[in-house]
Amino acid sequence: AIMLVITAALIGFIFMWQYQRRTIDDMKTELENQAIAISDDTTDYIDNGKWEDYLDYISSLERVNDWDVWTFSDPYADHPMNSNMETGDSYNDIVSSAKYGAYIPFIESAFNGNSLCKSVKHDKIEQKPTIMVGYPILGENKEVVGAVVVKKQVDELTAIVEDSLSLIVISIVISLGISFIIVIIFAT
């Protein structure tokens, strides 16, 4: 009976861990694809010179998709992205603030022409588990002119895992109860 409970608990925890890992990987892939699309769209806005409409575009994306999008002009580029296309603080503001320290590697990776995708267990700003992606924005001559950082809270994943854990605990208690009933029946 005890071996049955231990086996059920072990299988349950392995399932939960795999499910959580797979779900986070799927969310990372989705967010990376979104960051690529936003970067491409940003390049189109730069090429067409319609940067005035850009912030409305970003704002509508955030409302519809429940993630935050930050864009930064690359101060080291020969022809940086127009600073009016930045969604908030500039890169220099981010670097000088200790609060945003976790975001700097995403921005700098994008400025270097690379993408960076990570899940963070506890985001200092959101105070929740978060997935973040940094991706470069290319200008007219394919020079990196900026960076886009897309981040999404994964608090719904935490709720799913907690619900799964409670389901496993209930299953273990029920299987333990049934096992003891069977032992009592066969013992008499």
C-alpha atoms as a PDB file:
ATOM      1  CA  ALA A   1       0.000   0.000   0.000  1.00  0.00           C
ATOM      2  CA  ILE A   2       2.779   2.389   0.912  1.00  0.00           C
ATOM      3  CA  MET A   3       4.693   1.501  -2.266  1.00  0.00           C
ATOM      4  CA  LEU A   4       1.547   2.302  -4.287  1.00  0.00           C
ATOM      5  CA  VAL A   5       1.303   5.736  -2.675  1.00  0.00           C
ATOM      6  CA  ILE A   6       5.027   6.436  -3.156  1.00  0.00           C
ATOM      7  CA  THR A   7       4.842   5.367  -6.799  1.00  0.00           C
ATOM      8  CA  ALA A   8       1.735   7.488  -7.400  1.00  0.00           C
ATOM      9  CA  ALA A   9       3.392  10.506  -5.779  1.00  0.00           C
ATOM     10  CA  LEU A  10       6.589  10.052  -7.779  1.00  0.00           C
ATOM     11  CA  ILE A  11       4.743   9.693 -11.081  1.00  0.00           C
ATOM     12  CA  GLY A  12       2.551  12.675 -10.225  1.00  0.00           C
ATOM     13  CA  PHE A  13       5.482  14.937  -9.422  1.00  0.00           C
ATOM     14  CA  ILE A  14       7.373  13.854 -12.547  1.00  0.00           C
ATOM     15  CA  PHE A  15       4.270  14.574 -14.641  1.00  0.00           C
ATOM     16  CA  MET A  16       3.873  18.027 -13.034  1.00  0.00           C
ATOM     17  CA  TRP A  17       7.508  18.918 -13.581  1.00  0.00           C
ATOM     18  CA  GLN A  18       7.389  17.803 -17.239  1.00  0.00           C
ATOM     19  CA  TYR A  19       4.095  19.615 -17.835  1.00  0.00           C
ATOM     20  CA  GLN A  20       5.402  22.838 -16.323  1.00  0.00           C
ATOM     21  CA  ARG A  21       8.656  22.653 -18.301  1.00  0.00           C
ATOM     22  CA  ARG A  22       6.827  21.931 -21.562  1.00  0.00           C
ATOM     23  CA  THR A  23       4.321  24.731 -21.023  1.00  0.00           C
ATOM     24  CA  ILE A  24       7.071  27.260 -20.290  1.00  0.00           C
ATOM     25  CA  ASP A  25       8.999  26.117 -23.385  1.00  0.00           C
ATOM     26  CA  ASP A  26       5.859  26.570 -25.511  1.00  0.00           C
ATOM     27  CA  MET A  27       5.293  30.041 -24.030  1.00  0.00           C
ATOM     28  CA  LYS A  28       8.926  30.979 -24.717  1.00  0.00           C
ATOM     29  CA  THR A  29       8.625  29.885 -28.344  1.00  0.00           C
ATOM     30  CA  GLU A  30       5.396  31.828 -28.785  1.00  0.00           C
ATOM     31  CA  LEU A  31       6.878  34.955 -27.216  1.00  0.00           C
ATOM     32  CA  GLU A  32      10.020  34.667 -29.352  1.00  0.00           C
ATOM     33  CA  ASN A  33       7.885  34.475 -32.489  1.00  0.00           C
ATOM     34  CA  GLN A  34       5.949  37.530 -31.337  1.00  0.00           C
ATOM     35  CA  ALA A  35       9.186  39.442 -30.664  1.00  0.00           C
ATOM     36  CA  ILE A  36      10.417  38.601 -34.177  1.00  0.00           C
ATOM     37  CA  ALA A  37       7.128  39.801 -35.672  1.00  0.00           C
ATOM     38  CA  ILE A  38       7.216  43.034 -33.646  1.00  0.00           C
ATOM     39  CA  SER A  39      10.828  43.611 -34.682  1.00  0.00           C
ATOM     40  CA  ASP A  40       9.911  43.119 -38.350  1.00  0.00           C
ATOM     41  CA  ASP A  41       6.907  45.445 -38.002  1.00  0.00           C
ATOM     42  CA  THR A  42       9.093  48.036 -36.285  1.00  0.00           C
ATOM     43  CA  THR A  43      11.530  47.862 -39.191  1.00  0.00           C
ATOM     44  CA  ASP A  44       8.596  48.467 -41.554  1.00  0.00           C
ATOM     45  CA  TYR A  45       7.518  51.508 -39.534  1.00  0.00           C
ATOM     46  CA  ILE A  46      11.097  52.825 -39.673  1.00  0.00           C
ATOM     47  CA  ASP A  47      11.374  52.180 -43.429  1.00  0.00           C
ATOM     48  CA  ASN A  48       8.028  53.864 -44.124  1.00  0.00           C
ATOM     49  CA  GLY A  49       8.775  56.781 -41.813  1.00  0.00           C
ATOM     50  CA  LYS A  50       5.448  56.333 -39.994  1.00  0.00           C
ATOM     51  CA  TRP A  51       6.824  56.282 -36.502  1.00  0.00           C
ATOM     52  CA  GLU A  52       3.933  58.469 -35.248  1.00  0.00           C
ATOM     53  CA  ASP A  53       1.520  55.507 -35.539  1.00  0.00           C
ATOM     54  CA  TYR A  54       3.974  53.070 -34.016  1.00  0.00           C
ATOM     55  CA  LEU A  55       3.172  53.629 -30.339  1.00  0.00           C
ATOM     56  CA  ASP A  56      -0.559  53.111 -31.046  1.00  0.00           C
ATOM     57  CA  TYR A  57       0.349  49.808 -32.717  1.00  0.00           C
ATOM     58  CA  ILE A  58       2.394  48.693 -29.675  1.00  0.00           C
ATOM     59  CA  SER A  59      -0.319  49.808 -27.274  1.00  0.00           C
ATOM     60  CA  SER A  60      -2.959  47.777 -29.119  1.00  0.00           C
ATOM     61  CA  LEU A  61      -0.676  44.712 -29.079  1.00  0.00           C
ATOM     62  CA  GLU A  62      -0.261  44.988 -25.315  1.00  0.00           C
ATOM     63  CA  ARG A  63      -4.007  45.333 -24.751  1.00  0.00           C
ATOM     64  CA  VAL A  64      -4.933  42.366 -26.920  1.00  0.00           C
ATOM     65  CA  ASN A  65      -2.152  39.940 -25.952  1.00  0.00           C
ATOM     66  CA  ASP A  66      -1.633  40.600 -22.242  1.00  0.00           C
ATOM     67  CA  TRP A  67       2.099  41.158 -22.481  1.00  0.00           C
ATOM     68  CA  ASP A  68       4.384  44.158 -22.174  1.00  0.00           C
ATOM     69  CA  VAL A  69       6.407  45.419 -25.121  1.00  0.00           C
ATOM     70  CA  TRP A  70       9.361  47.708 -24.567  1.00  0.00           C
ATOM     71  CA  THR A  71      11.367  49.198 -27.416  1.00  0.00           C
ATOM     72  CA  PHE A  72      14.722  50.897 -27.064  1.00  0.00           C
ATOM     73  CA  SER A  73      16.804  52.944 -29.471  1.00  0.00           C
ATOM     74  CA  ASP A  74      20.401  51.699 -29.710  1.00  0.00           C
ATOM     75  CA  PRO A  75      22.592  54.637 -28.610  1.00  0.00           C
ATOM     76  CA  TYR A  76      25.649  52.919 -30.131  1.00  0.00           C
ATOM     77  CA  ALA A  77      24.185  52.585 -33.644  1.00  0.00           C
ATOM     78  CA  ASP A  78      25.353  54.857 -36.472  1.00  0.00           C
ATOM     79  CA  HIS A  79      21.700  55.618 -37.290  1.00  0.00           C
ATOM     80  CA  PRO A  80      19.678  54.740 -34.181  1.00  0.00           C
ATOM     81  CA  MET A  81      15.928  54.232 -34.182  1.00  0.00           C
ATOM     82  CA  ASN A  82      13.954  57.432 -33.638  1.00  0.00           C
ATOM     83  CA  SER A  83      13.698  57.961 -29.880  1.00  0.00           C
ATOM     84  CA  ASN A  84       9.975  58.795 -30.334  1.00  0.00           C
ATOM     85  CA  MET A  85       9.476  55.081 -31.069  1.00  0.00           C
ATOM     86  CA  GLU A  86      10.669  54.089 -27.598  1.00  0.00           C
ATOM     87  CA  THR A  87       7.811  52.821 -25.463  1.00  0.00           C
ATOM     88  CA  GLY A  88       9.095  54.125 -22.147  1.00  0.00           C
ATOM     89  CA  ASP A  89      12.434  54.807 -20.565  1.00  0.00           C
ATOM     90  CA  SER A  90      15.513  55.042 -22.757  1.00  0.00           C
ATOM     91  CA  TYR A  91      18.334  52.507 -22.589  1.00  0.00           C
ATOM     92  CA  ASN A  92      20.449  54.982 -20.592  1.00  0.00           C
ATOM     93  CA  ASP A  93      17.615  55.401 -18.075  1.00  0.00           C
ATOM     94  CA  ILE A  94      17.349  51.609 -17.702  1.00  0.00           C
ATOM     95  CA  VAL A  95      21.098  51.200 -17.169  1.00  0.00           C
ATOM     96  CA  SER A  96      21.175  53.884 -14.486  1.00  0.00           C
ATOM     97  CA  SER A  97      18.287  52.351 -12.508  1.00  0.00           C
ATOM     98  CA  ALA A  98      18.935  49.376 -10.203  1.00  0.00           C
ATOM     99  CA  LYS A  99      15.272  48.385 -10.499  1.00  0.00           C
ATOM    100  CA  TYR A 100      15.725  47.377 -14.146  1.00  0.00           C
ATOM    101  CA  GLY A 101      18.977  45.438 -13.780  1.00  0.00           C
ATOM    102  CA  ALA A 102      17.441  42.140 -14.938  1.00  0.00           C
ATOM    103  CA  TYR A 103      16.396  43.699 -18.260  1.00  0.00           C
ATOM    104  CA  ILE A 104      19.832  44.939 -19.313  1.00  0.00           C
ATOM    105  CA  PRO A 105      21.119  41.553 -20.646  1.00  0.00           C
ATOM    106  CA  PHE A 106      18.044  41.271 -22.901  1.00  0.00           C
ATOM    107  CA  ILE A 107      18.546  44.755 -24.321  1.00  0.00           C
ATOM    108  CA  GLU A 108      22.311  44.427 -24.765  1.00  0.00           C
ATOM    109  CA  SER A 109      21.977  41.011 -26.391  1.00  0.00           C
ATOM    110  CA  ALA A 110      19.563  42.531 -28.901  1.00  0.00           C
ATOM    111  CA  PHE A 111      21.904  45.499 -29.501  1.00  0.00           C
ATOM    112  CA  ASN A 112      24.582  42.922 -30.364  1.00  0.00           C
ATOM    113  CA  GLY A 113      22.269  41.342 -32.948  1.00  0.00           C
ATOM    114  CA  ASN A 114      21.259  38.306 -30.861  1.00  0.00           C
ATOM    115  CA  SER A 115      18.025  37.229 -29.264  1.00  0.00           C
ATOM    116  CA  LEU A 116      17.741  36.194 -25.633  1.00  0.00           C
ATOM    117  CA  CYS A 117      14.807  34.332 -24.107  1.00  0.00           C
ATOM    118  CA  LYS A 118      14.504  33.378 -20.437  1.00  0.00           C
ATOM    119  CA  SER A 119      11.970  32.635 -17.801  1.00  0.00           C
ATOM    120  CA  VAL A 120      12.459  34.506 -14.545  1.00  0.00           C
ATOM    121  CA  LYS A 121      11.071  33.006 -11.354  1.00  0.00           C
ATOM    122  CA  HIS A 122      10.450  36.377  -9.724  1.00  0.00           C
ATOM    123  CA  ASP A 123      10.456  39.575 -11.790  1.00  0.00           C
ATOM    124  CA  LYS A 124      11.414  42.546  -9.587  1.00  0.00           C
ATOM    125  CA  ILE A 125       8.931  44.849 -11.287  1.00  0.00           C
ATOM    126  CA  GLU A 126       5.932  42.560 -11.725  1.00  0.00           C
ATOM    127  CA  GLN A 127       6.598  40.534  -8.543  1.00  0.00           C
ATOM    128  CA  LYS A 128       5.530  37.396 -10.453  1.00  0.00           C
ATOM    129  CA  PRO A 129       7.092  34.677 -12.610  1.00  0.00           C
ATOM    130  CA  THR A 130       7.783  36.139 -16.052  1.00  0.00           C
ATOM    131  CA  ILE A 131       9.075  35.100 -19.465  1.00  0.00           C
ATOM    132  CA  MET A 132      11.127  37.722 -21.303  1.00  0.00           C
ATOM    133  CA  VAL A 133      12.502  37.914 -24.831  1.00  0.00           C
ATOM    134  CA  GLY A 134      14.919  40.460 -26.246  1.00  0.00           C
ATOM    135  CA  TYR A 135      15.241  40.774 -30.026  1.00  0.00           C
ATOM    136  CA  PRO A 136      17.124  43.223 -32.298  1.00  0.00           C
ATOM    137  CA  ILE A 137      15.379  45.823 -34.457  1.00  0.00           C
ATOM    138  CA  LEU A 138      17.027  46.383 -37.818  1.00  0.00           C
ATOM    139  CA  GLY A 139      17.112  49.674 -39.711  1.00  0.00           C
ATOM    140  CA  GLU A 140      17.185  50.450 -43.414  1.00  0.00           C
ATOM    141  CA  ASN A 141      20.736  49.213 -43.946  1.00  0.00           C
ATOM    142  CA  LYS A 142      20.224  46.079 -41.783  1.00  0.00           C
ATOM    143  CA  GLU A 143      22.104  47.751 -38.935  1.00  0.00           C
ATOM    144  CA  VAL A 144      20.792  47.049 -35.422  1.00  0.00           C
ATOM    145  CA  VAL A 145      19.070  50.326 -34.539  1.00  0.00           C
ATOM    146  CA  GLY A 146      17.157  49.216 -31.471  1.00  0.00           C
ATOM    147  CA  ALA A 147      15.829  46.414 -29.341  1.00  0.00           C
ATOM    148  CA  VAL A 148      12.411  45.050 -28.493  1.00  0.00           C
ATOM    149  CA  VAL A 149      11.789  43.331 -25.162  1.00  0.00           C
ATOM    150  CA  VAL A 150       8.564  41.369 -24.830  1.00  0.00           C
ATOM    151  CA  LYS A 151       7.576  40.010 -21.451  1.00  0.00           C
ATOM    152  CA  LYS A 152       4.642  38.005 -20.210  1.00  0.00           C
ATOM    153  CA  GLN A 153       3.627  37.014 -16.718  1.00  0.00           C
ATOM    154  CA  VAL A 154       3.143  33.298 -16.241  1.00  0.00           C
ATOM    155  CA  ASP A 155       1.013  33.411 -13.131  1.00  0.00           C
ATOM    156  CA  GLU A 156      -1.646  31.276 -14.833  1.00  0.00           C
ATOM    157  CA  LEU A 157       0.963  28.510 -15.093  1.00  0.00           C
ATOM    158  CA  THR A 158       1.564  28.713 -11.361  1.00  0.00           C
ATOM    159  CA  ALA A 159      -2.183  28.304 -10.781  1.00  0.00           C
ATOM    160  CA  ILE A 160      -2.289  25.270 -13.098  1.00  0.00           C
ATOM    161  CA  VAL A 161       0.632  23.647 -11.290  1.00  0.00           C
ATOM    162  CA  GLU A 162      -0.954  24.316  -7.881  1.00  0.00           C
ATOM    163  CA  ASP A 163      -4.242  22.793  -9.082  1.00  0.00           C
ATOM    164  CA  SER A 164      -2.347  19.764 -10.408  1.00  0.00           C
ATOM    165  CA  LEU A 165      -0.532  19.396  -7.102  1.00  0.00           C
ATOM    166  CA  SER A 166      -3.795  19.438  -5.152  1.00  0.00           C
ATOM    167  CA  LEU A 167      -5.241  16.844  -7.551  1.00  0.00           C
ATOM    168  CA  ILE A 168      -2.209  14.607  -6.976  1.00  0.00           C
ATOM    169  CA  VAL A 169      -2.504  14.969  -3.200  1.00  0.00           C
ATOM    170  CA  ILE A 170      -6.216  14.097  -3.329  1.00  0.00           C
ATOM    171  CA  SER A 171      -5.440  11.065  -5.524  1.00  0.00           C
ATOM    172  CA  ILE A 172      -2.744   9.892  -3.115  1.00  0.00           C
ATOM    173  CA  VAL A 173      -5.056  10.233  -0.104  1.00  0.00           C
ATOM    174  CA  ILE A 174      -7.846   8.344  -1.895  1.00  0.00           C
ATOM    175  CA  SER A 175      -5.482   5.576  -3.067  1.00  0.00           C
ATOM    176  CA  LEU A 176      -4.057   5.301   0.457  1.00  0.00           C
ATOM    177  CA  GLY A 177      -7.586   5.042   1.886  1.00  0.00           C
ATOM    178  CA  ILE A 178      -8.599   2.380  -0.637  1.00  0.00           C
ATOM    179  CA  SER A 179      -5.371   0.477   0.051  1.00  0.00           C
ATOM    180  CA  PHE A 180      -6.041   0.438   3.803  1.00  0.00           C
ATOM    181  CA  ILE A 181      -9.650  -0.698   3.248  1.00  0.00           C
ATOM    182  CA  ILE A 182      -8.379  -3.558   1.072  1.00  0.00           C
ATOM    183  CA  VAL A 183      -5.780  -4.487   3.715  1.00  0.00           C
ATOM    184  CA  ILE A 184      -8.460  -4.504   6.442  1.00  0.00           C
ATOM    185  CA  ILE A 185     -10.794  -6.670   4.312  1.00  0.00           C
ATOM    186  CA  PHE A 186      -8.083  -9.225   3.529  1.00  0.00           C
ATOM    187  CA  ALA A 187      -6.779  -9.226   7.090  1.00  0.00           C
ATOM    188  CA  THR A 188     -10.111 -10.356   8.510  1.00  0.00           C
END
